[in-house]
Amino acid sequence: LGASPWQTFRLVTLPLIMPAVVAGALMSFTLSIDDFV
C-alpha cells in the first residue's frame, strides 16, 4: 500500500508488538530492582 519501512514499523509493527514490549519492560524492571549478585 506504499508504506515506507519506518511507516510500517510505526503504524503496523509497533502497535502489534506493544503488549510484548510492555511485558518486557515490566520483566526488566522486576529483574533489576531485586538483583543482588
Full PDB file with SEQRES, HELIX, SHEET, SSBOND, CRYST1, ORIGX, SCALE, CONECT and MASTER records, all heavy atoms in Angstrom:
SEQRES   1 A   37  LEU GLY ALA SER PRO TRP GLN THR PHE ARG LEU VAL THR          
SEQRES   2 A   37  LEU PRO LEU ILE MET PRO ALA VAL VAL ALA GLY ALA LEU          
SEQRES   3 A   37  MET SER PHE THR LEU SER ILE ASP ASP PHE VAL                  
HELIX    1 AA1 PRO A    5  THR A    8  1                                   4    
HELIX    2 AA2 PHE A    9  THR A   13  3                                   5    
HELIX    3 AA3 LEU A   14  ILE A   33  1                                  20    
CRYST1    1.000    1.000    1.000  90.00  90.00  90.00 P 1           1          
ORIGX1      1.000000  0.000000  0.000000        0.00000                         
ORIGX2      0.000000  1.000000  0.000000        0.00000                         
ORIGX3      0.000000  0.000000  1.000000        0.00000                         
SCALE1      1.000000  0.000000  0.000000        0.00000                         
SCALE2      0.000000  1.000000  0.000000        0.00000                         
SCALE3      0.000000  0.000000  1.000000        0.00000                         
ATOM      1  N   LEU A   1       0.817  -1.216   0.000  1.00  0.00           N  
ATOM      2  CA  LEU A   1       0.000   0.000   0.000  1.00  0.00           C  
ATOM      3  C   LEU A   1       0.851   1.267   0.000  1.00  0.00           C  
ATOM      4  O   LEU A   1       0.311   2.369   0.083  1.00  0.00           O  
ATOM      5  CB  LEU A   1      -0.923   0.005   1.212  1.00  0.00           C  
ATOM      6  CG  LEU A   1      -2.043  -1.060   1.193  1.00  0.00           C  
ATOM      7  CD1 LEU A   1      -2.800  -1.080   2.506  1.00  0.00           C  
ATOM      8  CD2 LEU A   1      -2.997  -0.798   0.029  1.00  0.00           C  
ATOM      9  N   GLY A   2       2.163   1.111  -0.094  1.00  0.00           N  
ATOM     10  CA  GLY A   2       3.044   2.260  -0.236  1.00  0.00           C  
ATOM     11  C   GLY A   2       3.684   2.754   1.038  1.00  0.00           C  
ATOM     12  O   GLY A   2       4.329   3.818   1.031  1.00  0.00           O  
ATOM     13  N   ALA A   3       3.572   2.013   2.112  1.00  0.00           N  
ATOM     14  CA  ALA A   3       4.179   2.450   3.369  1.00  0.00           C  
ATOM     15  C   ALA A   3       5.689   2.235   3.331  1.00  0.00           C  
ATOM     16  O   ALA A   3       6.172   1.205   2.843  1.00  0.00           O  
ATOM     17  CB  ALA A   3       3.574   1.684   4.541  1.00  0.00           C  
ATOM     18  N   SER A   4       6.426   3.202   3.828  1.00  0.00           N  
ATOM     19  CA  SER A   4       7.875   3.071   3.937  1.00  0.00           C  
ATOM     20  C   SER A   4       8.209   2.126   5.085  1.00  0.00           C  
ATOM     21  O   SER A   4       7.350   1.809   5.919  1.00  0.00           O  
ATOM     22  CB  SER A   4       8.505   4.436   4.178  1.00  0.00           C  
ATOM     23  OG  SER A   4       8.088   4.956   5.433  1.00  0.00           O  
ATOM     24  N   PRO A   5       9.467   1.646   5.157  1.00  0.00           N  
ATOM     25  CA  PRO A   5       9.831   0.780   6.293  1.00  0.00           C  
ATOM     26  C   PRO A   5       9.552   1.416   7.646  1.00  0.00           C  
ATOM     27  O   PRO A   5       9.087   0.736   8.571  1.00  0.00           O  
ATOM     28  CB  PRO A   5      11.330   0.537   6.072  1.00  0.00           C  
ATOM     29  CG  PRO A   5      11.502   0.653   4.599  1.00  0.00           C  
ATOM     30  CD  PRO A   5      10.549   1.724   4.168  1.00  0.00           C  
ATOM     31  N   TRP A   6       9.840   2.721   7.784  1.00  0.00           N  
ATOM     32  CA  TRP A   6       9.577   3.391   9.045  1.00  0.00           C  
ATOM     33  C   TRP A   6       8.081   3.490   9.334  1.00  0.00           C  
ATOM     34  O   TRP A   6       7.626   3.291  10.467  1.00  0.00           O  
ATOM     35  CB  TRP A   6      10.198   4.777   9.044  1.00  0.00           C  
ATOM     36  CG  TRP A   6       9.764   5.640  10.190  1.00  0.00           C  
ATOM     37  CD1 TRP A   6       9.041   6.783  10.134  1.00  0.00           C  
ATOM     38  CD2 TRP A   6      10.019   5.411  11.587  1.00  0.00           C  
ATOM     39  NE1 TRP A   6       8.813   7.290  11.389  1.00  0.00           N  
ATOM     40  CE2 TRP A   6       9.406   6.463  12.307  1.00  0.00           C  
ATOM     41  CE3 TRP A   6      10.697   4.425  12.298  1.00  0.00           C  
ATOM     42  CZ2 TRP A   6       9.468   6.553  13.690  1.00  0.00           C  
ATOM     43  CZ3 TRP A   6      10.742   4.505  13.680  1.00  0.00           C  
ATOM     44  CH2 TRP A   6      10.140   5.557  14.358  1.00  0.00           C  
ATOM     45  N   GLN A   7       7.291   3.799   8.298  1.00  0.00           N  
ATOM     46  CA  GLN A   7       5.843   3.868   8.485  1.00  0.00           C  
ATOM     47  C   GLN A   7       5.266   2.497   8.833  1.00  0.00           C  
ATOM     48  O   GLN A   7       4.356   2.385   9.661  1.00  0.00           O  
ATOM     49  CB  GLN A   7       5.182   4.415   7.217  1.00  0.00           C  
ATOM     50  CG  GLN A   7       5.430   5.890   6.970  1.00  0.00           C  
ATOM     51  CD  GLN A   7       4.850   6.365   5.647  1.00  0.00           C  
ATOM     52  OE1 GLN A   7       4.832   5.622   4.661  1.00  0.00           O  
ATOM     53  NE2 GLN A   7       4.375   7.605   5.617  1.00  0.00           N  
ATOM     54  N   THR A   8       5.792   1.454   8.211  1.00  0.00           N  
ATOM     55  CA  THR A   8       5.324   0.096   8.532  1.00  0.00           C  
ATOM     56  C   THR A   8       5.610  -0.246   9.985  1.00  0.00           C  
ATOM     57  O   THR A   8       4.767  -0.820  10.678  1.00  0.00           O  
ATOM     58  CB  THR A   8       6.009  -0.926   7.605  1.00  0.00           C  
ATOM     59  OG1 THR A   8       5.711  -0.599   6.247  1.00  0.00           O  
ATOM     60  CG2 THR A   8       5.520  -2.334   7.908  1.00  0.00           C  
ATOM     61  N   PHE A   9       6.803   0.122  10.433  1.00  0.00           N  
ATOM     62  CA  PHE A   9       7.147  -0.162  11.821  1.00  0.00           C  
ATOM     63  C   PHE A   9       6.297   0.670  12.782  1.00  0.00           C  
ATOM     64  O   PHE A   9       5.758   0.137  13.769  1.00  0.00           O  
ATOM     65  CB  PHE A   9       8.628   0.143  12.065  1.00  0.00           C  
ATOM     66  CG  PHE A   9       9.016   0.076  13.507  1.00  0.00           C  
ATOM     67  CD1 PHE A   9       9.197  -1.154  14.146  1.00  0.00           C  
ATOM     68  CD2 PHE A   9       9.194   1.245  14.256  1.00  0.00           C  
ATOM     69  CE1 PHE A   9       9.534  -1.224  15.497  1.00  0.00           C  
ATOM     70  CE2 PHE A   9       9.544   1.184  15.597  1.00  0.00           C  
ATOM     71  CZ  PHE A   9       9.710  -0.055  16.218  1.00  0.00           C  
ATOM     72  N   ARG A  10       6.138   1.966  12.500  1.00  0.00           N  
ATOM     73  CA  ARG A  10       5.447   2.862  13.425  1.00  0.00           C  
ATOM     74  C   ARG A  10       3.943   2.618  13.464  1.00  0.00           C  
ATOM     75  O   ARG A  10       3.334   2.662  14.538  1.00  0.00           O  
ATOM     76  CB  ARG A  10       5.720   4.321  13.026  1.00  0.00           C  
ATOM     77  CG  ARG A  10       5.096   5.361  13.945  1.00  0.00           C  
ATOM     78  CD  ARG A  10       5.613   6.750  13.602  1.00  0.00           C  
ATOM     79  NE  ARG A  10       5.310   7.093  12.219  1.00  0.00           N  
ATOM     80  CZ  ARG A  10       4.164   7.690  11.845  1.00  0.00           C  
ATOM     81  NH1 ARG A  10       3.238   7.979  12.730  1.00  0.00           N  
ATOM     82  NH2 ARG A  10       3.962   7.999  10.579  1.00  0.00           N  
ATOM     83  N   LEU A  11       3.345   2.322  12.306  1.00  0.00           N  
ATOM     84  CA  LEU A  11       1.891   2.219  12.242  1.00  0.00           C  
ATOM     85  C   LEU A  11       1.369   0.786  12.320  1.00  0.00           C  
ATOM     86  O   LEU A  11       0.196   0.581  12.641  1.00  0.00           O  
ATOM     87  CB  LEU A  11       1.384   2.858  10.938  1.00  0.00           C  
ATOM     88  CG  LEU A  11       1.712   4.346  10.756  1.00  0.00           C  
ATOM     89  CD1 LEU A  11       1.249   4.832   9.397  1.00  0.00           C  
ATOM     90  CD2 LEU A  11       1.083   5.181  11.875  1.00  0.00           C  
ATOM     91  N   VAL A  12       2.231  -0.202  12.011  1.00  0.00           N  
ATOM     92  CA  VAL A  12       1.762  -1.593  11.982  1.00  0.00           C  
ATOM     93  C   VAL A  12       2.507  -2.442  13.015  1.00  0.00           C  
ATOM     94  O   VAL A  12       1.899  -3.035  13.920  1.00  0.00           O  
ATOM     95  CB  VAL A  12       1.931  -2.200  10.575  1.00  0.00           C  
ATOM     96  CG1 VAL A  12       1.440  -3.651  10.565  1.00  0.00           C  
ATOM     97  CG2 VAL A  12       1.157  -1.385   9.547  1.00  0.00           C  
ATOM     98  N   THR A  13       3.838  -2.516  12.873  1.00  0.00           N  
ATOM     99  CA  THR A  13       4.612  -3.427  13.719  1.00  0.00           C  
ATOM    100  C   THR A  13       4.563  -3.033  15.195  1.00  0.00           C  
ATOM    101  O   THR A  13       4.266  -3.868  16.056  1.00  0.00           O  
ATOM    102  CB  THR A  13       6.079  -3.470  13.243  1.00  0.00           C  
ATOM    103  OG1 THR A  13       6.130  -3.780  11.860  1.00  0.00           O  
ATOM    104  CG2 THR A  13       6.852  -4.521  14.029  1.00  0.00           C  
ATOM    105  N   LEU A  14       4.851  -1.770  15.493  1.00  0.00           N  
ATOM    106  CA  LEU A  14       4.928  -1.339  16.885  1.00  0.00           C  
ATOM    107  C   LEU A  14       3.607  -1.511  17.637  1.00  0.00           C  
ATOM    108  O   LEU A  14       3.604  -2.025  18.770  1.00  0.00           O  
ATOM    109  CB  LEU A  14       5.415   0.108  16.960  1.00  0.00           C  
ATOM    110  CG  LEU A  14       5.665   0.657  18.375  1.00  0.00           C  
ATOM    111  CD1 LEU A  14       6.698  -0.192  19.105  1.00  0.00           C  
ATOM    112  CD2 LEU A  14       6.123   2.111  18.307  1.00  0.00           C  
ATOM    113  N   PRO A  15       2.459  -1.098  17.064  1.00  0.00           N  
ATOM    114  CA  PRO A  15       1.204  -1.343  17.795  1.00  0.00           C  
ATOM    115  C   PRO A  15       0.935  -2.823  18.050  1.00  0.00           C  
ATOM    116  O   PRO A  15       0.373  -3.174  19.095  1.00  0.00           O  
ATOM    117  CB  PRO A  15       0.137  -0.734  16.868  1.00  0.00           C  
ATOM    118  CG  PRO A  15       0.861   0.293  16.076  1.00  0.00           C  
ATOM    119  CD  PRO A  15       2.222  -0.278  15.852  1.00  0.00           C  
ATOM    120  N   LEU A  16       1.331  -3.686  17.113  1.00  0.00           N  
ATOM    121  CA  LEU A  16       1.073  -5.115  17.284  1.00  0.00           C  
ATOM    122  C   LEU A  16       1.974  -5.748  18.341  1.00  0.00           C  
ATOM    123  O   LEU A  16       1.554  -6.666  19.048  1.00  0.00           O  
ATOM    124  CB  LEU A  16       1.253  -5.838  15.938  1.00  0.00           C  
ATOM    125  CG  LEU A  16       0.184  -5.563  14.870  1.00  0.00           C  
ATOM    126  CD1 LEU A  16       0.564  -6.233  13.560  1.00  0.00           C  
ATOM    127  CD2 LEU A  16      -1.185  -6.043  15.330  1.00  0.00           C  
ATOM    128  N   ILE A  17       3.200  -5.271  18.446  1.00  0.00           N  
ATOM    129  CA  ILE A  17       4.125  -5.864  19.425  1.00  0.00           C  
ATOM    130  C   ILE A  17       4.142  -5.096  20.741  1.00  0.00           C  
ATOM    131  O   ILE A  17       4.862  -5.475  21.662  1.00  0.00           O  
ATOM    132  CB  ILE A  17       5.564  -5.926  18.866  1.00  0.00           C  
ATOM    133  CG1 ILE A  17       6.137  -4.515  18.667  1.00  0.00           C  
ATOM    134  CG2 ILE A  17       5.615  -6.720  17.575  1.00  0.00           C  
ATOM    135  CD1 ILE A  17       7.608  -4.491  18.294  1.00  0.00           C  
ATOM    136  N   MET A  18       3.340  -4.029  20.856  1.00  0.00           N  
ATOM    137  CA  MET A  18       3.369  -3.199  22.058  1.00  0.00           C  
ATOM    138  C   MET A  18       3.082  -3.985  23.338  1.00  0.00           C  
ATOM    139  O   MET A  18       3.757  -3.760  24.361  1.00  0.00           O  
ATOM    140  CB  MET A  18       2.385  -2.039  21.919  1.00  0.00           C  
ATOM    141  CG  MET A  18       2.424  -1.060  23.086  1.00  0.00           C  
ATOM    142  SD  MET A  18       4.091  -0.375  23.393  1.00  0.00           S  
ATOM    143  CE  MET A  18       4.301   0.642  21.921  1.00  0.00           C  
ATOM    144  N   PRO A  19       2.106  -4.920  23.353  1.00  0.00           N  
ATOM    145  CA  PRO A  19       1.933  -5.699  24.597  1.00  0.00           C  
ATOM    146  C   PRO A  19       3.193  -6.459  25.009  1.00  0.00           C  
ATOM    147  O   PRO A  19       3.516  -6.532  26.191  1.00  0.00           O  
ATOM    148  CB  PRO A  19       0.792  -6.669  24.238  1.00  0.00           C  
ATOM    149  CG  PRO A  19       0.045  -5.979  23.152  1.00  0.00           C  
ATOM    150  CD  PRO A  19       1.081  -5.251  22.364  1.00  0.00           C  
ATOM    151  N   ALA A  20       3.917  -7.004  24.027  1.00  0.00           N  
ATOM    152  CA  ALA A  20       5.158  -7.714  24.335  1.00  0.00           C  
ATOM    153  C   ALA A  20       6.236  -6.747  24.804  1.00  0.00           C  
ATOM    154  O   ALA A  20       7.031  -7.075  25.701  1.00  0.00           O  
ATOM    155  CB  ALA A  20       5.640  -8.481  23.112  1.00  0.00           C  
ATOM    156  N   VAL A  21       6.277  -5.557  24.236  1.00  0.00           N  
ATOM    157  CA  VAL A  21       7.255  -4.556  24.650  1.00  0.00           C  
ATOM    158  C   VAL A  21       6.999  -4.140  26.101  1.00  0.00           C  
ATOM    159  O   VAL A  21       7.930  -4.051  26.915  1.00  0.00           O  
ATOM    160  CB  VAL A  21       7.200  -3.327  23.715  1.00  0.00           C  
ATOM    161  CG1 VAL A  21       8.091  -2.205  24.241  1.00  0.00           C  
ATOM    162  CG2 VAL A  21       7.632  -3.713  22.307  1.00  0.00           C  
ATOM    163  N   VAL A  22       5.729  -3.903  26.430  1.00  0.00           N  
ATOM    164  CA  VAL A  22       5.382  -3.530  27.803  1.00  0.00           C  
ATOM    165  C   VAL A  22       5.684  -4.675  28.766  1.00  0.00           C  
ATOM    166  O   VAL A  22       6.207  -4.459  29.871  1.00  0.00           O  
ATOM    167  CB  VAL A  22       3.901  -3.121  27.883  1.00  0.00           C  
ATOM    168  CG1 VAL A  22       3.500  -2.832  29.324  1.00  0.00           C  
ATOM    169  CG2 VAL A  22       3.631  -1.902  27.014  1.00  0.00           C  
ATOM    170  N   ALA A  23       5.364  -5.899  28.347  1.00  0.00           N  
ATOM    171  CA  ALA A  23       5.664  -7.063  29.189  1.00  0.00           C  
ATOM    172  C   ALA A  23       7.164  -7.188  29.423  1.00  0.00           C  
ATOM    173  O   ALA A  23       7.612  -7.494  30.538  1.00  0.00           O  
ATOM    174  CB  ALA A  23       5.118  -8.329  28.544  1.00  0.00           C  
ATOM    175  N   GLY A  24       7.964  -6.961  28.388  1.00  0.00           N  
ATOM    176  CA  GLY A  24       9.417  -6.998  28.536  1.00  0.00           C  
ATOM    177  C   GLY A  24       9.930  -5.913  29.458  1.00  0.00           C  
ATOM    178  O   GLY A  24      10.854  -6.138  30.250  1.00  0.00           O  
ATOM    179  N   ALA A  25       9.326  -4.719  29.383  1.00  0.00           N  
ATOM    180  CA  ALA A  25       9.731  -3.623  30.267  1.00  0.00           C  
ATOM    181  C   ALA A  25       9.429  -3.955  31.718  1.00  0.00           C  
ATOM    182  O   ALA A  25      10.257  -3.713  32.611  1.00  0.00           O  
ATOM    183  CB  ALA A  25       9.021  -2.335  29.853  1.00  0.00           C  
ATOM    184  N   LEU A  26       8.252  -4.516  31.978  1.00  0.00           N  
ATOM    185  CA  LEU A  26       7.890  -4.889  33.344  1.00  0.00           C  
ATOM    186  C   LEU A  26       8.795  -5.999  33.872  1.00  0.00           C  
ATOM    187  O   LEU A  26       9.198  -5.986  35.040  1.00  0.00           O  
ATOM    188  CB  LEU A  26       6.429  -5.333  33.391  1.00  0.00           C  
ATOM    189  CG  LEU A  26       5.388  -4.245  33.096  1.00  0.00           C  
ATOM    190  CD1 LEU A  26       3.991  -4.853  33.031  1.00  0.00           C  
ATOM    191  CD2 LEU A  26       5.440  -3.149  34.138  1.00  0.00           C  
ATOM    192  N   MET A  27       9.111  -6.960  33.001  1.00  0.00           N  
ATOM    193  CA  MET A  27      10.006  -8.035  33.405  1.00  0.00           C  
ATOM    194  C   MET A  27      11.399  -7.494  33.724  1.00  0.00           C  
ATOM    195  O   MET A  27      12.031  -7.891  34.715  1.00  0.00           O  
ATOM    196  CB  MET A  27      10.085  -9.082  32.306  1.00  0.00           C  
ATOM    197  CG  MET A  27      10.928 -10.292  32.657  1.00  0.00           C  
ATOM    198  SD  MET A  27      10.232 -11.265  33.998  1.00  0.00           S  
ATOM    199  CE  MET A  27       8.806 -11.972  33.172  1.00  0.00           C  
ATOM    200  N   SER A  28      11.882  -6.572  32.905  1.00  0.00           N  
ATOM    201  CA  SER A  28      13.196  -5.966  33.144  1.00  0.00           C  
ATOM    202  C   SER A  28      13.219  -5.193  34.462  1.00  0.00           C  
ATOM    203  O   SER A  28      14.185  -5.267  35.227  1.00  0.00           O  
ATOM    204  CB  SER A  28      13.563  -5.031  31.993  1.00  0.00           C  
ATOM    205  OG  SER A  28      13.640  -5.731  30.778  1.00  0.00           O  
ATOM    206  N   PHE A  29      12.140  -4.450  34.722  1.00  0.00           N  
ATOM    207  CA  PHE A  29      12.051  -3.700  35.977  1.00  0.00           C  
ATOM    208  C   PHE A  29      12.105  -4.645  37.172  1.00  0.00           C  
ATOM    209  O   PHE A  29      12.804  -4.389  38.157  1.00  0.00           O  
ATOM    210  CB  PHE A  29      10.755  -2.890  35.989  1.00  0.00           C  
ATOM    211  CG  PHE A  29      10.562  -2.068  37.233  1.00  0.00           C  
ATOM    212  CD1 PHE A  29      11.075  -0.779  37.316  1.00  0.00           C  
ATOM    213  CD2 PHE A  29       9.862  -2.573  38.317  1.00  0.00           C  
ATOM    214  CE1 PHE A  29      10.907  -0.022  38.462  1.00  0.00           C  
ATOM    215  CE2 PHE A  29       9.686  -1.826  39.465  1.00  0.00           C  
ATOM    216  CZ  PHE A  29      10.203  -0.543  39.538  1.00  0.00           C  
ATOM    217  N   THR A  30      11.368  -5.747  37.076  1.00  0.00           N  
ATOM    218  CA  THR A  30      11.331  -6.717  38.174  1.00  0.00           C  
ATOM    219  C   THR A  30      12.699  -7.352  38.403  1.00  0.00           C  
ATOM    220  O   THR A  30      13.151  -7.495  39.546  1.00  0.00           O  
ATOM    221  CB  THR A  30      10.297  -7.814  37.872  1.00  0.00           C  
ATOM    222  OG1 THR A  30       9.021  -7.205  37.688  1.00  0.00           O  
ATOM    223  CG2 THR A  30      10.218  -8.821  38.995  1.00  0.00           C  
ATOM    224  N   LEU A  31      13.362  -7.743  37.321  1.00  0.00           N  
ATOM    225  CA  LEU A  31      14.675  -8.369  37.445  1.00  0.00           C  
ATOM    226  C   LEU A  31      15.719  -7.399  37.994  1.00  0.00           C  
ATOM    227  O   LEU A  31      16.615  -7.789  38.745  1.00  0.00           O  
ATOM    228  CB  LEU A  31      15.125  -8.903  36.083  1.00  0.00           C  
ATOM    229  CG  LEU A  31      14.315 -10.058  35.499  1.00  0.00           C  
ATOM    230  CD1 LEU A  31      14.709 -10.301  34.047  1.00  0.00           C  
ATOM    231  CD2 LEU A  31      14.525 -11.322  36.319  1.00  0.00           C  
ATOM    232  N   SER A  32      15.596  -6.138  37.629  1.00  0.00           N  
ATOM    233  CA  SER A  32      16.595  -5.147  38.029  1.00  0.00           C  
ATOM    234  C   SER A  32      16.451  -4.745  39.490  1.00  0.00           C  
ATOM    235  O   SER A  32      17.447  -4.652  40.214  1.00  0.00           O  
ATOM    236  CB  SER A  32      16.491  -3.907  37.143  1.00  0.00           C  
ATOM    237  OG  SER A  32      17.355  -2.885  37.587  1.00  0.00           O  
ATOM    238  N   ILE A  33      15.220  -4.537  39.948  1.00  0.00           N  
ATOM    239  CA  ILE A  33      15.033  -3.941  41.271  1.00  0.00           C  
ATOM    240  C   ILE A  33      15.419  -4.892  42.394  1.00  0.00           C  
ATOM    241  O   ILE A  33      15.760  -4.452  43.501  1.00  0.00           O  
ATOM    242  CB  ILE A  33      13.573  -3.452  41.441  1.00  0.00           C  
ATOM    243  CG1 ILE A  33      13.495  -2.427  42.578  1.00  0.00           C  
ATOM    244  CG2 ILE A  33      12.631  -4.627  41.689  1.00  0.00           C  
ATOM    245  CD1 ILE A  33      12.196  -1.686  42.646  1.00  0.00           C  
ATOM    246  N   ASP A  34      15.373  -6.217  42.144  1.00  0.00           N  
ATOM    247  CA  ASP A  34      15.731  -7.141  43.224  1.00  0.00           C  
ATOM    248  C   ASP A  34      16.989  -7.956  42.927  1.00  0.00           C  
ATOM    249  O   ASP A  34      17.248  -8.966  43.588  1.00  0.00           O  
ATOM    250  CB  ASP A  34      14.556  -8.078  43.546  1.00  0.00           C  
ATOM    251  CG  ASP A  34      14.174  -8.957  42.364  1.00  0.00           C  
ATOM    252  OD1 ASP A  34      14.825  -8.837  41.313  1.00  0.00           O  
ATOM    253  OD2 ASP A  34      13.237  -9.761  42.504  1.00  0.00           O  
ATOM    254  N   ASP A  35      17.772  -7.518  41.942  1.00  0.00           N  
ATOM    255  CA  ASP A  35      19.009  -8.245  41.643  1.00  0.00           C  
ATOM    256  C   ASP A  35      20.050  -7.973  42.730  1.00  0.00           C  
ATOM    257  O   ASP A  35      20.243  -6.833  43.164  1.00  0.00           O  
ATOM    258  CB  ASP A  35      19.564  -7.816  40.283  1.00  0.00           C  
ATOM    259  CG  ASP A  35      20.872  -8.499  39.970  1.00  0.00           C  
ATOM    260  OD1 ASP A  35      20.841  -9.662  39.543  1.00  0.00           O  
ATOM    261  OD2 ASP A  35      21.925  -7.867  40.178  1.00  0.00           O  
ATOM    262  N   PHE A  36      20.733  -9.029  43.137  1.00  0.00           N  
ATOM    263  CA  PHE A  36      21.756  -8.895  44.181  1.00  0.00           C  
ATOM    264  C   PHE A  36      23.164  -9.171  43.658  1.00  0.00           C  
ATOM    265  O   PHE A  36      24.079  -8.375  43.882  1.00  0.00           O  
ATOM    266  CB  PHE A  36      21.460  -9.840  45.349  1.00  0.00           C  
ATOM    267  CG  PHE A  36      22.545  -9.858  46.388  1.00  0.00           C  
ATOM    268  CD1 PHE A  36      22.614  -8.859  47.342  1.00  0.00           C  
ATOM    269  CD2 PHE A  36      23.512 -10.853  46.398  1.00  0.00           C  
ATOM    270  CE1 PHE A  36      23.618  -8.851  48.298  1.00  0.00           C  
ATOM    271  CE2 PHE A  36      24.520 -10.866  47.353  1.00  0.00           C  
ATOM    272  CZ  PHE A  36      24.576  -9.856  48.306  1.00  0.00           C  
ATOM    273  N   VAL A  37      23.348 -10.300  42.955  1.00  0.00           N  
ATOM    274  CA  VAL A  37      24.689 -10.759  42.610  1.00  0.00           C  
ATOM    275  C   VAL A  37      25.407  -9.758  41.720  1.00  0.00           C  
ATOM    276  O   VAL A  37      26.520  -9.293  42.031  1.00  0.00           O  
ATOM    277  CB  VAL A  37      24.626 -12.141  41.929  1.00  0.00           C  
ATOM    278  CG1 VAL A  37      26.026 -12.581  41.498  1.00  0.00           C  
ATOM    279  CG2 VAL A  37      24.016 -13.171  42.872  1.00  0.00           C  
TER     280      VAL A  37                                                      
MASTER        0    0    0    3    0    0    0    6  279    1    0    3          
END                                                                             
